[in-house]
Amino acid sequence: MSIEVRPVGVTCNLRCSYCYEEPVRKLTPTLRYNREAVLAAIEHSDSRWSLFGGEALLIGLPELEELLSLGFQKWDSTGVQTNGTLITEKHVELFEKYNTHVGISLDGPDELNDSRWAGTVEATRKATEKTFRAIDMLLTRAAETNNPRLIPSLILTLHGKNTTPETWPRMKAWLSDMDRRGIQSFNFHVMELDADATKDSEWYVPHERMKTVMLDLWDLSTTWTNASAINFKEIINLLRANDKQVMCVWRACDPWNTSAVQGLEGDGSPSHCTRTNKDGIDWLPAEGFGEVAKWQIGDFPLTNRSHERQLSLYVTPQEHGGCQGCQYWSMCMGQCPGTGEESQTGQYGDWRLRTTYCQTWKDLFEEGERRLLDIGETPFTMTPQRIEIERVMYTAWTQGKNIPLSTAKNIVNGTISLEQVLAAPTLKNSHGDHTDHALVRNDNNRPHGDHTDQALVEGIVDRPHGDHTDQALVEGIVDRPHGDHTDQALVEGIVDRPHGDHTDIVPHGDHVDEATESLTLPKSREHGDHWDTAQIHRRNAREEHTTATGKKVVLW
């Protein structure tokens, strides 16, 4: 789960036409930073958090340094998501000092970034220049200090201005240039219909065009030297029934209590993912039926998660906006509720309906199936297990419990029972479908995959984890066999978990953070709307295969 500290709420210095925060912004006046309230809530944090917005860098440098310092002292690293227009050399110095990863949101070079509107064309182009100067500063400092953590990750929204047949070649050339300059991660957002971005607007990309662009982008991404696009890697992982490495859009969220994001507003109040606030109100869940969730930041009351959206979509025919019978259901689940199709009353983002770009994602899954078949691997969607796994997930939702696809697969394979999963105690910290933490005197969190490791000082806690169970013994060091890796809980200090020959990747909000062994970087778990990676030796680990006939196939 992404823990987002929004010091100025959704207040922003730009007005993107498609911004999903606009409904909130219209109802909420400019929010001033309440230092005391935010710091008090942060004191109750038991998970890493990052700065988010709106535009988080609207706060002053002293306030920014205070927040980054607190995060660094507790977690050894920090993160911030920004449009980059306010970054100066002094900001870069703070990012270096406090081990801060920066995610930058932009949509392309020059006029292709006019979607990031600053009031006039002239002001918008100047703002875009500032964003590119910020990227230059970060790349330069990363090279000078041999600190790849300073390399920013980029989020780009694909819309009607940067994907036309006329602009797309330039967009591709710019992406490849960013790759050559050292950018390591792109996260491509299919534009969410919201605010001024309707199907009748200039920002909307019809399905057939979006399909062409995304498939072209998939091929292009396999040619990059440094960068990767996490979108296509996730498609492949899902087709392998592995949802441990995917973003929040592939999670079982509902509009009121999103399992992907918990937020802290600048006035010290709790909030959820703003992508789902279509009416501009930050609805908070009440106590009642469903999985109990505890806030990971702030001293807020227990609430409950339920799964009406998933239960509804599973049984609703596709011709009525549902997902009944879709072979990609157990991986997609209708995607993000904030991207729901238009309702009968004309409102976009109707959470009761599947995503607007349903057909685009179906086409991408089909492309992933083709690539897997090319290397002789049968996609999960073509196995006899698929229907039974769907039923297991549905049954769990009816009991108020959300289980990931990978766990449902283990249940069907008989390595764990559904009864064991349903009977598992409620977690103190709910991170979407997982939380690993060691509560060993100093309450350290370690999110790992689709399971939970918990070391409680005063007792022994069993947690069924797919095909294994972890136990924490109070007075010793406990080895945890996890398939091909081992987790260790050190009772007297910070808990490190060496994981054999694999890497644990943690989905946070609508980004993915990857922690790998590194020559120069600590393992990191950053949040916000970005993808953070600590690399091993090389910058990009692409999955390539050679078939029996000598054909080279790049999956992602």
Protein backbone atom coordinates (compact mmCIF):
# COMPACT_ATOMS: atom_id res chain seq x y z
CA MET A 1 0.00 0.00 0.00
CA SER A 2 1.12 3.53 -0.71
CA ILE A 3 1.18 5.85 2.27
CA GLU A 4 0.93 9.37 0.92
CA VAL A 5 1.57 12.50 2.97
CA ARG A 6 -0.09 15.39 1.13
CA PRO A 7 1.17 18.53 2.90
CA VAL A 8 -0.99 20.85 0.79
CA GLY A 9 -3.74 18.39 -0.08
CA VAL A 10 -4.62 18.49 -3.77
CA THR A 11 -3.48 22.12 -4.16
CA CYS A 12 -1.37 22.38 -7.31
CA ASN A 13 0.40 25.02 -9.40
CA LEU A 14 -0.82 23.37 -12.62
CA ARG A 15 -4.28 22.56 -13.96
CA CYS A 16 -4.06 19.41 -16.06
CA SER A 17 -7.25 19.05 -18.09
CA TYR A 18 -7.56 15.36 -17.28
CA CYS A 19 -6.50 15.50 -13.61
CA TYR A 20 -8.47 13.03 -11.50
CA GLU A 21 -8.07 15.32 -8.47
CA GLU A 22 -10.03 18.15 -10.05
CA PRO A 23 -13.42 17.18 -8.49
CA VAL A 24 -11.80 17.36 -5.04
CA ARG A 25 -10.03 20.61 -5.93
CA LYS A 26 -13.29 22.27 -6.97
CA LEU A 27 -14.90 21.59 -3.60
CA THR A 28 -11.87 22.12 -1.38
CA PRO A 29 -10.29 25.54 -0.92
CA THR A 30 -6.52 25.89 -1.12
CA LEU A 31 -5.18 23.92 1.81
CA ARG A 32 -2.53 25.41 4.05
CA TYR A 33 0.02 23.13 5.63
CA ASN A 34 -0.77 22.44 9.30
CA ARG A 35 2.66 21.50 10.53
CA GLU A 36 1.68 20.41 14.03
CA ALA A 37 -1.19 18.18 12.89
CA VAL A 38 0.87 16.47 10.17
CA LEU A 39 3.87 15.88 12.43
CA ALA A 40 1.62 14.45 15.13
CA ALA A 41 0.09 12.00 12.63
CA ILE A 42 3.50 11.02 11.27
CA GLU A 43 4.55 10.07 14.79
CA HIS A 44 1.98 7.25 14.56
CA SER A 45 3.38 6.00 11.24
CA ASP A 46 4.34 2.36 11.14
CA SER A 47 5.09 2.23 7.43
CA ARG A 48 7.14 4.19 4.94
CA TRP A 49 5.43 7.17 3.40
CA SER A 50 6.20 9.60 0.62
CA LEU A 51 5.21 13.16 -0.19
CA PHE A 52 2.42 13.56 -2.69
CA GLY A 53 -0.09 16.12 -3.88
CA GLY A 54 -1.44 18.10 -5.60
CA GLU A 55 2.06 19.48 -5.77
CA ALA A 56 3.94 18.55 -2.61
CA LEU A 57 6.80 20.97 -3.30
CA LEU A 58 4.54 23.97 -2.77
CA ILE A 59 5.62 23.87 0.86
CA GLY A 60 8.74 25.82 1.77
CA LEU A 61 12.23 24.36 1.85
CA PRO A 62 12.45 24.37 5.69
CA GLU A 63 9.16 22.45 5.97
CA LEU A 64 10.22 20.09 3.19
CA GLU A 65 13.55 19.36 4.87
CA GLU A 66 11.81 18.68 8.18
CA LEU A 67 9.54 16.08 6.58
CA LEU A 68 12.31 14.46 4.57
CA SER A 69 14.51 14.35 7.64
CA LEU A 70 11.83 12.60 9.69
CA GLY A 71 11.28 10.01 6.96
CA PHE A 72 15.01 9.45 6.56
CA GLN A 73 15.59 9.04 10.28
CA LYS A 74 12.93 6.36 10.53
CA TRP A 75 13.18 4.55 7.19
CA ASP A 76 16.61 5.51 5.76
CA SER A 77 14.99 6.79 2.56
CA THR A 78 12.24 9.10 1.36
CA GLY A 79 10.20 9.75 -1.75
CA VAL A 80 8.33 12.55 -3.45
CA GLN A 81 6.06 12.75 -6.49
CA THR A 82 6.09 16.09 -8.32
CA ASN A 83 5.50 17.79 -11.65
CA GLY A 84 9.09 19.02 -11.37
CA THR A 85 8.40 22.68 -12.07
CA LEU A 86 9.50 23.86 -8.60
CA ILE A 87 12.72 21.85 -8.24
CA THR A 88 15.85 23.93 -7.69
CA GLU A 89 19.45 23.06 -6.88
CA LYS A 90 18.59 23.37 -3.19
CA HIS A 91 15.84 20.77 -3.62
CA VAL A 92 18.30 18.41 -5.31
CA GLU A 93 20.71 18.86 -2.38
CA LEU A 94 17.93 17.85 0.02
CA PHE A 95 17.01 14.84 -2.13
CA GLU A 96 20.62 13.69 -2.05
CA LYS A 97 20.99 14.33 1.68
CA TYR A 98 17.85 12.42 2.64
CA ASN A 99 18.08 9.58 0.11
CA THR A 100 14.98 10.78 -1.71
CA HIS A 101 13.72 9.19 -4.90
CA VAL A 102 11.87 11.64 -7.14
CA GLY A 103 9.02 10.67 -9.42
CA ILE A 104 8.23 13.27 -12.09
CA SER A 105 4.93 13.51 -13.93
CA LEU A 106 4.98 14.89 -17.46
CA ASP A 107 3.54 13.95 -20.84
CA GLY A 108 6.26 14.64 -23.40
CA PRO A 109 8.49 17.35 -24.83
CA ASP A 110 7.47 20.96 -25.55
CA GLU A 111 3.89 21.28 -26.78
CA LEU A 112 3.22 17.57 -26.11
CA ASN A 113 3.31 18.55 -22.44
CA ASP A 114 0.73 21.33 -22.86
CA SER A 115 -1.68 19.05 -21.02
CA ARG A 116 0.19 20.18 -17.89
CA TRP A 117 -1.57 23.54 -18.13
CA ALA A 118 -0.24 26.59 -16.26
CA GLY A 119 -2.87 29.15 -17.34
CA THR A 120 -1.51 30.34 -20.68
CA VAL A 121 0.50 28.77 -23.49
CA GLU A 122 3.52 30.89 -22.60
CA ALA A 123 3.35 30.01 -18.89
CA THR A 124 2.82 26.34 -19.71
CA ARG A 125 5.88 26.15 -21.98
CA LYS A 126 8.00 27.87 -19.32
CA ALA A 127 6.77 25.37 -16.75
CA THR A 128 7.70 22.52 -19.08
CA GLU A 129 11.20 23.98 -19.46
CA LYS A 130 11.53 24.01 -15.67
CA THR A 131 10.50 20.35 -15.51
CA PHE A 132 13.17 19.39 -18.02
CA ARG A 133 15.78 21.42 -16.16
CA ALA A 134 14.85 19.47 -13.04
CA ILE A 135 15.37 16.19 -14.89
CA ASP A 136 18.74 17.46 -16.13
CA MET A 137 19.80 18.46 -12.61
CA LEU A 138 18.87 15.09 -11.16
CA LEU A 139 20.57 13.10 -13.92
CA THR A 140 23.70 15.26 -13.65
CA ARG A 141 23.89 14.91 -9.87
CA ALA A 142 23.29 11.15 -10.11
CA ALA A 143 26.24 10.85 -12.52
CA GLU A 144 28.52 13.12 -10.49
CA THR A 145 27.87 11.29 -7.22
CA ASN A 146 27.50 7.79 -8.68
CA ASN A 147 24.13 7.64 -6.95
CA PRO A 148 21.52 6.05 -9.23
CA ARG A 149 18.82 6.72 -6.65
CA LEU A 150 18.81 10.33 -7.82
CA ILE A 151 17.73 9.25 -11.30
CA PRO A 152 14.06 10.26 -11.51
CA SER A 153 11.34 7.91 -12.67
CA LEU A 154 8.82 9.29 -15.14
CA ILE A 155 5.04 8.93 -15.28
CA LEU A 156 3.39 9.79 -18.57
CA THR A 157 -0.29 9.95 -19.39
CA LEU A 158 -1.25 8.92 -22.92
CA HIS A 159 -3.92 11.25 -24.27
CA GLY A 160 -5.31 12.74 -27.45
CA LYS A 161 -2.45 15.21 -27.93
CA ASN A 162 0.65 13.01 -27.60
CA THR A 163 -0.68 9.87 -29.35
CA THR A 164 -1.90 11.16 -32.72
CA PRO A 165 -0.35 9.73 -35.91
CA GLU A 166 1.42 13.10 -36.28
CA THR A 167 2.80 13.41 -32.74
CA TRP A 168 3.46 9.76 -31.87
CA PRO A 169 6.75 9.44 -33.84
CA ARG A 170 8.13 12.44 -31.97
CA MET A 171 6.92 11.03 -28.68
CA LYS A 172 8.70 7.73 -29.36
CA ALA A 173 11.93 9.48 -30.32
CA TRP A 174 11.82 11.49 -27.11
CA LEU A 175 11.22 8.38 -24.98
CA SER A 176 14.20 6.67 -26.58
CA ASP A 177 16.29 9.78 -25.95
CA MET A 178 15.29 9.70 -22.28
CA ASP A 179 16.39 6.08 -22.20
CA ARG A 180 19.78 6.97 -23.70
CA ARG A 181 20.20 9.71 -21.11
CA GLY A 182 19.78 7.22 -18.30
CA ILE A 183 16.11 7.22 -17.28
CA GLN A 184 15.43 3.76 -15.89
CA SER A 185 11.67 3.63 -15.42
CA PHE A 186 8.58 4.72 -17.31
CA ASN A 187 5.04 4.22 -16.06
CA PHE A 188 2.44 4.84 -18.76
CA HIS A 189 -1.06 5.83 -17.66
CA VAL A 190 -4.02 5.31 -19.93
CA MET A 191 -5.86 8.59 -19.46
CA GLU A 192 -8.66 8.47 -16.93
CA LEU A 193 -11.87 10.10 -18.09
CA ASP A 194 -12.52 12.87 -15.63
CA ALA A 195 -12.85 16.65 -15.27
CA ASP A 196 -12.62 18.13 -18.80
CA ALA A 197 -11.34 14.87 -20.27
CA THR A 198 -14.53 13.31 -21.59
CA LYS A 199 -15.15 11.12 -24.62
CA ASP A 200 -16.18 14.25 -26.49
CA SER A 201 -12.99 16.13 -25.64
CA GLU A 202 -9.73 16.51 -27.52
CA TRP A 203 -7.99 14.46 -24.84
CA TYR A 204 -9.85 11.21 -25.44
CA VAL A 205 -8.07 8.45 -27.35
CA PRO A 206 -10.47 5.98 -29.05
CA HIS A 207 -9.83 2.34 -28.33
CA GLU A 208 -8.38 1.37 -31.71
CA ARG A 209 -5.84 4.19 -31.53
CA MET A 210 -4.94 3.40 -27.92
CA LYS A 211 -4.46 -0.25 -28.87
CA THR A 212 -2.09 0.71 -31.69
CA VAL A 213 -0.11 3.03 -29.44
CA MET A 214 0.23 0.58 -26.57
CA LEU A 215 1.32 -2.33 -28.75
CA ASP A 216 3.80 -0.06 -30.54
CA LEU A 217 5.06 1.09 -27.16
CA TRP A 218 5.51 -2.50 -26.01
CA ASP A 219 7.74 -3.23 -29.00
CA LEU A 220 9.64 0.03 -28.54
CA SER A 221 10.30 -0.64 -24.84
CA THR A 222 12.11 -3.88 -25.68
CA THR A 223 14.74 -1.87 -27.60
CA TRP A 224 15.71 0.44 -24.73
CA THR A 225 19.09 0.08 -23.07
CA ASN A 226 18.40 1.54 -19.62
CA ALA A 227 14.68 2.05 -19.19
CA SER A 228 11.80 -0.34 -18.84
CA ALA A 229 8.04 0.11 -18.91
CA ILE A 230 6.50 -1.64 -15.96
CA ASN A 231 3.08 -1.91 -17.65
CA PHE A 232 4.09 -4.76 -19.94
CA LYS A 233 6.06 -6.64 -17.33
CA GLU A 234 2.92 -6.65 -15.22
CA ILE A 235 0.83 -8.11 -18.03
CA ILE A 236 3.28 -11.00 -18.33
CA ASN A 237 3.36 -11.56 -14.57
CA LEU A 238 -0.42 -11.62 -14.35
CA LEU A 239 -0.59 -14.15 -17.18
CA ARG A 240 1.66 -16.30 -15.00
CA ALA A 241 -0.81 -15.95 -12.09
CA ASN A 242 1.77 -13.86 -10.28
CA ASP A 243 0.21 -10.69 -8.88
CA LYS A 244 2.98 -9.99 -6.39
CA GLN A 245 4.57 -7.43 -8.69
CA VAL A 246 1.67 -5.37 -9.98
CA MET A 247 0.28 -1.90 -9.44
CA CYS A 248 -2.88 -0.98 -7.63
CA VAL A 249 -5.03 -0.90 -10.77
CA TRP A 250 -4.92 -4.70 -10.74
CA ARG A 251 -6.03 -4.90 -7.10
CA ALA A 252 -9.48 -5.43 -5.64
CA CYS A 253 -10.20 -1.82 -4.68
CA ASP A 254 -13.54 -0.23 -4.00
CA PRO A 255 -14.25 3.51 -4.12
CA TRP A 256 -14.52 4.21 -0.39
CA ASN A 257 -11.73 2.22 1.16
CA THR A 258 -9.03 1.71 -1.43
CA SER A 259 -6.58 -0.97 -0.44
CA ALA A 260 -3.95 0.74 -2.59
CA VAL A 261 -3.59 4.10 -0.87
CA GLN A 262 -3.91 5.63 2.53
CA GLY A 263 -3.32 9.36 2.73
CA LEU A 264 -2.64 12.07 5.25
CA GLU A 265 -3.89 15.51 4.26
CA GLY A 266 -2.17 18.78 5.13
CA ASP A 267 -4.63 19.47 7.93
CA GLY A 268 -3.83 16.13 9.57
CA SER A 269 -6.99 14.32 8.43
CA PRO A 270 -7.06 10.83 6.86
CA SER A 271 -7.86 10.26 3.19
CA HIS A 272 -7.97 7.60 0.52
CA CYS A 273 -6.99 7.41 -3.13
CA THR A 274 -8.21 10.55 -4.89
CA ARG A 275 -8.69 8.65 -8.17
CA THR A 276 -12.00 7.38 -6.83
CA ASN A 277 -13.35 10.69 -5.48
CA LYS A 278 -15.54 11.41 -8.48
CA ASP A 279 -17.93 13.56 -6.48
CA GLY A 280 -15.10 15.49 -4.85
CA ILE A 281 -15.68 14.03 -1.38
CA ASP A 282 -13.12 11.97 0.46
CA TRP A 283 -15.44 9.29 1.78
CA LEU A 284 -14.07 7.25 4.66
CA PRO A 285 -15.35 3.75 5.47
CA ALA A 286 -17.30 2.99 8.62
CA GLU A 287 -17.01 0.02 10.91
CA GLY A 288 -19.09 -2.94 9.82
CA PHE A 289 -18.89 -6.05 7.68
CA GLY A 290 -15.67 -6.88 5.88
CA GLU A 291 -11.95 -7.04 6.39
CA VAL A 292 -10.74 -4.82 9.22
CA ALA A 293 -8.20 -2.19 8.17
CA LYS A 294 -6.01 -0.05 10.35
CA TRP A 295 -4.52 3.22 9.23
CA GLN A 296 -0.74 3.06 8.85
CA ILE A 297 -0.29 6.71 9.53
CA GLY A 298 -2.11 8.87 12.02
CA ASP A 299 -4.14 7.79 15.04
CA PHE A 300 -7.37 7.00 13.20
CA PRO A 301 -10.08 4.45 14.08
CA LEU A 302 -10.39 0.95 12.66
CA THR A 303 -12.55 0.68 9.55
CA ASN A 304 -13.73 -2.14 7.31
CA ARG A 305 -13.16 -3.10 3.71
CA SER A 306 -15.79 -4.89 1.69
CA HIS A 307 -15.82 -5.93 -1.94
CA GLU A 308 -19.15 -5.05 -3.53
CA ARG A 309 -17.49 -3.98 -6.77
CA GLN A 310 -15.83 -7.34 -7.37
CA LEU A 311 -18.90 -9.34 -6.33
CA SER A 312 -21.05 -7.28 -8.69
CA LEU A 313 -18.74 -7.29 -11.72
CA TYR A 314 -18.18 -11.04 -11.53
CA VAL A 315 -21.88 -11.84 -12.01
CA THR A 316 -22.88 -8.93 -14.27
CA PRO A 317 -22.93 -9.70 -18.03
CA GLN A 318 -20.38 -7.84 -20.11
CA GLU A 319 -23.10 -6.24 -22.23
CA HIS A 320 -24.31 -4.50 -19.07
CA GLY A 321 -20.91 -3.19 -18.00
CA GLY A 322 -19.80 -6.22 -15.99
CA CYS A 323 -17.11 -8.85 -16.43
CA GLN A 324 -19.02 -12.13 -16.37
CA GLY A 325 -17.25 -14.80 -18.41
CA CYS A 326 -14.15 -12.72 -19.18
CA GLN A 327 -11.06 -14.93 -19.24
CA TYR A 328 -8.97 -12.09 -17.81
CA TRP A 329 -11.25 -11.47 -14.84
CA SER A 330 -9.09 -12.92 -12.06
CA MET A 331 -6.16 -10.74 -13.16
CA CYS A 332 -8.01 -7.52 -13.96
CA MET A 333 -11.16 -7.53 -11.78
CA GLY A 334 -12.53 -4.60 -13.77
CA GLN A 335 -9.34 -2.59 -13.13
CA CYS A 336 -9.35 0.63 -11.09
CA PRO A 337 -12.79 1.82 -9.87
CA GLY A 338 -11.69 5.35 -10.78
CA THR A 339 -11.54 4.36 -14.46
CA GLY A 340 -15.05 2.92 -14.53
CA GLU A 341 -17.21 3.38 -17.62
CA GLU A 342 -19.78 6.16 -18.00
CA SER A 343 -22.94 5.65 -15.96
CA GLN A 344 -26.48 5.98 -17.31
CA THR A 345 -26.59 9.45 -15.75
CA GLY A 346 -23.49 10.54 -17.65
CA GLN A 347 -20.96 10.36 -14.82
CA TYR A 348 -17.53 8.97 -15.59
CA GLY A 349 -15.87 6.58 -13.21
CA ASP A 350 -19.00 4.67 -12.17
CA TRP A 351 -17.36 2.13 -9.85
CA ARG A 352 -20.15 -0.38 -10.54
CA LEU A 353 -18.92 -0.72 -14.14
CA ARG A 354 -15.70 -2.08 -15.56
CA THR A 355 -12.94 0.18 -16.85
CA THR A 356 -13.51 2.44 -19.84
CA TYR A 357 -10.48 0.96 -21.62
CA CYS A 358 -11.55 -2.64 -21.06
CA GLN A 359 -10.97 -3.65 -24.69
CA THR A 360 -7.50 -2.08 -24.72
CA TRP A 361 -6.42 -4.17 -21.73
CA LYS A 362 -7.95 -7.29 -23.29
CA ASP A 363 -5.84 -6.68 -26.39
CA LEU A 364 -2.71 -6.26 -24.27
CA PHE A 365 -3.41 -9.49 -22.41
CA GLU A 366 -3.83 -11.21 -25.78
CA GLU A 367 -0.45 -9.84 -26.84
CA GLY A 368 1.07 -11.17 -23.63
CA GLU A 369 -0.48 -14.59 -24.29
CA ARG A 370 1.05 -14.60 -27.76
CA ARG A 371 4.51 -13.81 -26.43
CA LEU A 372 4.31 -16.51 -23.77
CA LEU A 373 3.12 -19.09 -26.29
CA ASP A 374 6.06 -18.13 -28.52
CA ILE A 375 8.45 -19.36 -25.82
CA GLY A 376 6.42 -22.51 -25.16
CA GLU A 377 4.77 -21.31 -21.95
CA THR A 378 1.04 -21.75 -21.38
CA PRO A 379 -0.60 -18.60 -20.01
CA PHE A 380 -2.65 -18.96 -16.86
CA THR A 381 -5.73 -17.90 -18.83
CA MET A 382 -5.48 -21.06 -20.94
CA THR A 383 -5.22 -23.51 -18.05
CA PRO A 384 -8.07 -25.61 -16.57
CA GLN A 385 -7.43 -24.01 -13.15
CA ARG A 386 -8.69 -20.58 -14.15
CA ILE A 387 -12.40 -21.05 -13.44
CA GLU A 388 -11.82 -22.70 -10.08
CA ILE A 389 -9.40 -19.96 -9.02
CA GLU A 390 -12.04 -17.36 -9.90
CA ARG A 391 -14.55 -19.18 -7.71
CA VAL A 392 -12.12 -19.25 -4.78
CA MET A 393 -11.56 -15.50 -5.05
CA TYR A 394 -15.30 -14.87 -5.29
CA THR A 395 -16.01 -17.03 -2.26
CA ALA A 396 -13.43 -15.13 -0.23
CA TRP A 397 -15.05 -11.80 -1.18
CA THR A 398 -18.44 -13.06 -0.02
CA GLN A 399 -16.80 -13.66 3.37
CA GLY A 400 -15.40 -10.13 3.50
CA LYS A 401 -11.85 -11.27 2.71
CA ASN A 402 -9.62 -10.31 -0.21
CA ILE A 403 -7.03 -12.81 -1.36
CA PRO A 404 -4.58 -12.34 -4.22
CA LEU A 405 -4.57 -14.44 -7.35
CA SER A 406 -1.35 -16.18 -6.34
CA THR A 407 -2.87 -17.30 -3.03
CA ALA A 408 -6.04 -18.51 -4.76
CA LYS A 409 -3.83 -20.57 -7.04
CA ASN A 410 -2.15 -22.16 -4.01
CA ILE A 411 -5.58 -23.00 -2.60
CA VAL A 412 -6.62 -24.73 -5.82
CA ASN A 413 -3.29 -26.58 -5.91
CA GLY A 414 -3.97 -27.84 -2.38
CA THR A 415 -0.96 -26.30 -0.66
CA ILE A 416 -3.24 -24.37 1.68
CA SER A 417 -6.97 -24.44 2.33
CA LEU A 418 -9.47 -21.65 1.84
CA GLU A 419 -10.61 -22.24 5.42
CA GLN A 420 -7.10 -21.48 6.68
CA VAL A 421 -6.98 -18.25 4.70
CA LEU A 422 -10.42 -17.12 5.83
CA ALA A 423 -9.59 -17.95 9.44
CA ALA A 424 -6.32 -16.02 9.42
CA PRO A 425 -6.41 -13.17 11.97
CA THR A 426 -6.87 -9.62 10.84
CA LEU A 427 -3.57 -7.88 10.23
CA LYS A 428 -2.49 -4.85 12.15
CA ASN A 429 -1.30 -3.27 8.92
CA SER A 430 -3.21 -3.92 5.74
CA HIS A 431 -1.18 -3.28 2.57
CA GLY A 432 -3.57 -4.23 -0.16
CA ASP A 433 -3.22 -8.00 0.00
CA HIS A 434 -0.08 -8.24 2.09
CA THR A 435 2.04 -6.87 4.88
CA ASP A 436 5.31 -8.21 6.18
CA HIS A 437 6.51 -6.60 9.28
CA ALA A 438 8.64 -7.47 12.24
CA LEU A 439 7.32 -5.94 15.39
CA VAL A 440 10.56 -6.43 17.23
CA ARG A 441 10.85 -3.72 19.84
CA ASN A 442 11.18 -1.07 17.15
CA ASP A 443 8.21 -1.96 14.92
CA ASN A 444 10.00 -2.44 11.59
CA ASN A 445 7.97 -3.06 8.45
CA ARG A 446 9.07 -5.32 5.63
CA PRO A 447 6.49 -5.72 2.84
CA HIS A 448 7.11 -8.95 0.90
CA GLY A 449 4.94 -10.45 -1.79
CA ASP A 450 1.51 -11.82 -0.96
CA HIS A 451 2.16 -12.94 2.59
CA THR A 452 2.65 -11.51 6.03
CA ASP A 453 5.57 -12.13 8.35
CA GLN A 454 5.01 -10.83 11.83
CA ALA A 455 7.37 -11.17 14.75
CA LEU A 456 5.61 -10.28 17.95
CA VAL A 457 7.77 -9.79 20.99
CA GLU A 458 5.28 -11.30 23.43
CA GLY A 459 4.20 -14.43 21.61
CA ILE A 460 4.33 -16.84 18.73
CA VAL A 461 2.23 -15.96 15.71
CA ASP A 462 1.39 -18.34 12.89
CA ARG A 463 0.59 -16.90 9.50
CA PRO A 464 -0.37 -19.30 6.68
CA HIS A 465 1.46 -18.02 3.58
CA GLY A 466 0.50 -19.80 0.42
CA ASP A 467 2.49 -23.00 0.76
CA HIS A 468 4.31 -22.09 3.97
CA THR A 469 3.88 -20.73 7.49
CA ASP A 470 6.17 -18.30 9.27
CA GLN A 471 6.69 -18.29 13.01
CA ALA A 472 8.41 -15.69 15.10
CA LEU A 473 10.02 -16.93 18.28
CA VAL A 474 10.58 -14.21 20.79
CA GLU A 475 14.02 -15.04 22.06
CA GLY A 476 15.86 -16.19 18.96
CA ILE A 477 16.46 -15.95 15.27
CA VAL A 478 13.87 -17.66 13.14
CA ASP A 479 14.51 -18.97 9.62
CA ARG A 480 11.58 -18.83 7.31
CA PRO A 481 11.66 -21.13 4.29
CA HIS A 482 9.65 -19.46 1.48
CA GLY A 483 9.98 -21.72 -1.50
CA ASP A 484 13.44 -20.78 -2.72
CA HIS A 485 14.24 -18.11 -0.15
CA THR A 486 14.54 -17.53 3.58
CA ASP A 487 13.28 -14.72 5.79
CA GLN A 488 14.83 -14.02 9.13
CA ALA A 489 13.43 -12.11 12.07
CA LEU A 490 16.09 -10.65 14.32
CA VAL A 491 14.46 -10.03 17.65
CA GLU A 492 16.75 -7.26 18.81
CA GLY A 493 16.89 -5.03 15.76
CA ILE A 494 16.03 -4.28 12.19
CA VAL A 495 14.91 -7.31 10.23
CA ASP A 496 16.64 -8.16 6.97
CA ARG A 497 15.17 -10.75 4.68
CA PRO A 498 17.54 -12.34 2.17
CA HIS A 499 15.43 -13.89 -0.56
CA GLY A 500 17.48 -16.54 -2.31
CA ASP A 501 17.44 -16.15 -6.05
CA HIS A 502 14.52 -13.81 -6.40
CA THR A 503 13.56 -10.21 -5.78
CA ASP A 504 10.55 -9.02 -3.81
CA ILE A 505 8.59 -6.26 -5.45
CA VAL A 506 5.98 -4.33 -3.55
CA PRO A 507 2.92 -2.70 -5.15
CA HIS A 508 2.29 0.75 -3.63
CA GLY A 509 -0.52 2.92 -4.83
CA ASP A 510 -0.29 3.05 -8.60
CA HIS A 511 3.41 2.42 -8.72
CA VAL A 512 5.78 -0.43 -8.08
CA ASP A 513 8.81 -0.27 -5.83
CA GLU A 514 11.49 -2.84 -6.43
CA ALA A 515 14.13 -3.59 -3.84
CA THR A 516 17.14 -5.48 -5.08
CA GLU A 517 20.66 -5.91 -3.90
CA SER A 518 22.76 -2.92 -4.82
CA LEU A 519 26.37 -1.88 -4.77
CA THR A 520 25.59 1.60 -3.50
CA LEU A 521 21.95 1.77 -2.45
CA PRO A 522 20.01 0.55 0.59
CA LYS A 523 16.91 -1.47 -0.07
CA SER A 524 14.08 0.94 -0.58
CA ARG A 525 10.32 0.98 -0.49
CA GLU A 526 9.19 4.30 -1.89
CA HIS A 527 5.63 5.42 -2.47
CA GLY A 528 3.60 7.87 -4.48
CA ASP A 529 2.75 7.64 -8.15
CA HIS A 530 6.04 6.26 -9.41
CA TRP A 531 8.30 3.26 -9.75
CA ASP A 532 11.46 3.07 -7.64
CA THR A 533 14.21 0.60 -8.35
CA ALA A 534 17.46 -0.23 -6.65
CA GLN A 535 19.41 -1.90 -9.41
CA ILE A 536 21.99 -4.68 -9.37
CA HIS A 537 25.07 -3.94 -11.51
CA ARG A 538 23.03 -3.32 -14.64
CA ARG A 539 20.19 -0.89 -15.01
CA ASN A 540 17.67 -2.98 -16.83
CA ALA A 541 16.97 -6.69 -16.38
CA ARG A 542 14.85 -7.51 -19.42
CA GLU A 543 13.33 -10.94 -19.88
CA GLU A 544 14.50 -12.42 -23.16
CA HIS A 545 14.16 -15.93 -24.54
CA THR A 546 15.46 -17.82 -27.53
CA THR A 547 13.13 -20.44 -28.98
CA ALA A 548 14.17 -23.84 -30.33
CA THR A 549 14.17 -22.38 -33.82
CA GLY A 550 16.53 -19.59 -32.79
CA LYS A 551 13.88 -16.89 -32.69
CA LYS A 552 14.50 -14.20 -30.07
CA VAL A 553 11.42 -13.29 -28.00
CA VAL A 554 11.44 -10.35 -25.56
CA LEU A 555 8.56 -10.60 -23.12
CA TRP A 556 9.04 -7.13 -21.64
